[in-house]
Structures are given as structure tokens and as C-alpha cells.
Amino acid sequence: MGTGDFICISMTGGAPWGFRLQGGKEQKQPLQVAKIRNQSKASGSGLCEGDEVVSINGNPCADLTYPEVIKLMESITDSLQMLIKRRVGTPFLFLEDQSHPPFLHLLGYTSLLIVTLANQLMD
């Protein structure tokens, strides 16, 4: 998978989440975010096009086919947690300095946790 940052993204409120995926085991490609709809839950959560999806609600995605991922996504009714991997150098959306980002409150997002593993190991 190469060097990158692992980020945990959480969204609540149910579908539509506002993003499209591509790849999967049958395509011999990592599962990636292909498109994010403007003003969607995904766009406000910090999810970025090109992010690699490591897990969805605790389910590892490396060995899932695209149809299996779609089935998993369709089974999620209220809360979506994704562990994603972002290439080094891709900008982050940092929210910890904002007391109450208004768009998060209005759209029902619960959290955005950013964990930068590669850089922390070097410090």
C-alpha cells in the first residue's frame, strides 16, 4: 500500500452518503473513493477523492469485490465509519481548532479523527 496517513471518518444520518467508490478485488485494484458529491455528508466529513478505503464499519475491504462492497454499504442504515489511507502530501481537513463547525452540526457528523502514523513515527 505504500506510505500514507490513516484517517478515521465517521458520518451519521444514513444514506445517501455522497460518494462513489471504484476498484475491488476482482479488478485487482484497491477500493478507492472515485467521486464526492458537493455539499454531501462525505464532502463535509473530510473524505477526499483518491482515498483508499481500508475498512467500512470494521470490515476490512482488501479482499472484497466491488459487488460485496456495495452490499455492505447498502446494509448500513445510520452510522458509517471508514478507515481510509491517504497518500503522503495530500492536504488534510483539520477540524480540531474549530469549536463547532456549523456544517458538521447541521449535517449530523459525529467526528473526524486524523491520525498521521508515518510522521509520528519519525518524531
Protein backbone atom coordinates (compact mmCIF):
# COMPACT_ATOMS: atom_id res chain seq x y z
CA MET A 1 0.00 0.00 0.00
CA GLY A 2 2.95 2.36 0.32
CA THR A 3 3.42 5.30 2.63
CA GLY A 4 0.42 7.29 3.72
CA ASP A 5 -1.70 8.59 6.54
CA PHE A 6 -4.54 6.62 8.11
CA ILE A 7 -7.69 8.60 8.82
CA CYS A 8 -10.91 7.55 10.53
CA ILE A 9 -14.01 9.17 9.03
CA SER A 10 -17.44 9.00 10.69
CA MET A 11 -20.80 10.01 9.24
CA THR A 12 -24.30 9.62 10.63
CA GLY A 13 -27.85 10.03 9.38
CA GLY A 14 -27.99 7.28 6.79
CA ALA A 15 -27.64 7.22 3.03
CA PRO A 16 -27.09 8.93 0.72
CA TRP A 17 -23.53 9.45 1.93
CA GLY A 18 -22.45 11.41 -1.15
CA PHE A 19 -19.52 9.46 -2.58
CA ARG A 20 -18.81 6.84 -5.22
CA LEU A 21 -16.26 4.02 -4.96
CA GLN A 22 -14.18 2.19 -7.56
CA GLY A 23 -11.86 -0.82 -7.60
CA GLY A 24 -12.13 -4.05 -5.67
CA LYS A 25 -10.55 -7.46 -5.51
CA GLU A 26 -11.92 -8.66 -8.85
CA GLN A 27 -10.35 -5.65 -10.58
CA LYS A 28 -7.03 -6.19 -8.74
CA GLN A 29 -7.30 -2.56 -7.62
CA PRO A 30 -7.58 -1.10 -4.12
CA LEU A 31 -11.01 0.19 -3.19
CA GLN A 32 -10.85 3.97 -3.66
CA VAL A 33 -13.10 6.98 -3.45
CA ALA A 34 -13.80 7.90 -7.08
CA LYS A 35 -16.12 10.89 -6.67
CA ILE A 36 -17.51 13.06 -3.89
CA ARG A 37 -20.75 14.98 -4.38
CA ASN A 38 -20.64 18.67 -3.40
CA GLN A 39 -22.46 19.64 -0.19
CA SER A 40 -22.81 15.99 0.85
CA LYS A 41 -22.07 14.19 4.09
CA ALA A 42 -18.88 12.86 2.51
CA SER A 43 -17.66 16.30 1.42
CA GLY A 44 -18.16 17.68 4.93
CA SER A 45 -16.51 14.70 6.63
CA GLY A 46 -13.06 15.25 5.14
CA LEU A 47 -13.22 12.33 2.71
CA CYS A 48 -11.21 13.02 -0.47
CA GLU A 49 -11.24 11.64 -3.98
CA GLY A 50 -8.41 9.13 -4.30
CA ASP A 51 -8.59 8.00 -0.66
CA GLU A 52 -8.07 4.25 -0.31
CA VAL A 53 -10.77 2.57 1.78
CA VAL A 54 -9.15 0.19 4.28
CA SER A 55 -12.30 -0.76 6.21
CA ILE A 56 -16.01 0.05 6.40
CA ASN A 57 -17.66 -0.25 9.82
CA GLY A 58 -14.81 -2.53 10.92
CA ASN A 59 -14.98 -4.78 7.84
CA PRO A 60 -11.63 -4.97 6.01
CA CYS A 61 -12.03 -4.13 2.31
CA ALA A 62 -8.82 -5.59 0.81
CA ASP A 63 -10.43 -8.94 -0.08
CA LEU A 64 -13.88 -7.62 -1.04
CA THR A 65 -15.14 -7.44 -4.59
CA TYR A 66 -16.97 -4.31 -5.72
CA PRO A 67 -20.39 -6.05 -5.53
CA GLU A 68 -19.57 -7.18 -1.96
CA VAL A 69 -18.69 -3.59 -1.02
CA ILE A 70 -21.98 -2.33 -2.49
CA LYS A 71 -23.89 -4.98 -0.50
CA LEU A 72 -22.04 -3.90 2.67
CA MET A 73 -22.79 -0.23 2.03
CA GLU A 74 -26.47 -0.96 1.41
CA SER A 75 -26.69 -2.74 4.80
CA ILE A 76 -25.59 0.41 6.68
CA THR A 77 -28.63 2.26 7.98
CA ASP A 78 -27.46 5.07 10.27
CA SER A 79 -23.75 5.31 11.06
CA LEU A 80 -20.78 4.90 8.72
CA GLN A 81 -17.20 4.60 9.94
CA MET A 82 -14.42 4.31 7.41
CA LEU A 83 -10.70 3.82 7.91
CA ILE A 84 -9.02 5.32 4.90
CA LYS A 85 -5.45 5.68 3.74
CA ARG A 86 -4.41 8.95 2.16
CA ARG A 87 -1.20 9.39 0.17
CA VAL A 88 1.52 11.43 1.84
CA GLY A 89 1.33 15.05 0.74
CA THR A 90 -2.44 15.13 0.21
CA PRO A 91 -3.87 18.03 2.23
CA PHE A 92 -5.96 17.30 5.31
CA LEU A 93 -9.06 19.00 6.58
CA PHE A 94 -8.22 19.83 10.22
CA LEU A 95 -11.25 20.47 12.38
CA GLU A 96 -9.84 20.26 15.91
CA ASP A 97 -9.20 24.04 16.11
CA GLN A 98 -12.85 24.85 15.37
CA SER A 99 -15.17 24.71 18.38
CA HIS A 100 -18.37 23.88 16.47
CA PRO A 101 -18.00 23.75 12.68
CA PRO A 102 -21.52 24.73 11.57
CA PHE A 103 -21.68 22.40 8.59
CA LEU A 104 -20.86 19.40 10.80
CA HIS A 105 -23.64 20.23 13.22
CA LEU A 106 -26.23 20.77 10.51
CA LEU A 107 -25.43 17.58 8.64
CA GLY A 108 -25.13 15.38 11.72
CA TYR A 109 -21.48 14.35 11.60
CA THR A 110 -20.13 12.86 14.77
CA SER A 111 -16.39 13.04 14.41
CA LEU A 112 -13.36 13.37 12.23
CA LEU A 113 -10.25 11.81 13.67
CA ILE A 114 -6.98 12.30 11.90
CA VAL A 115 -4.10 10.02 12.73
CA THR A 116 -0.81 10.68 10.99
CA LEU A 117 1.16 7.50 11.61
CA ALA A 118 4.08 7.95 9.25
CA ASN A 119 5.06 11.36 10.60
CA GLN A 120 4.53 10.42 14.26
CA LEU A 121 6.94 7.50 13.95
CA MET A 122 9.65 9.84 12.68
CA ASP A 123 9.32 12.34 15.59
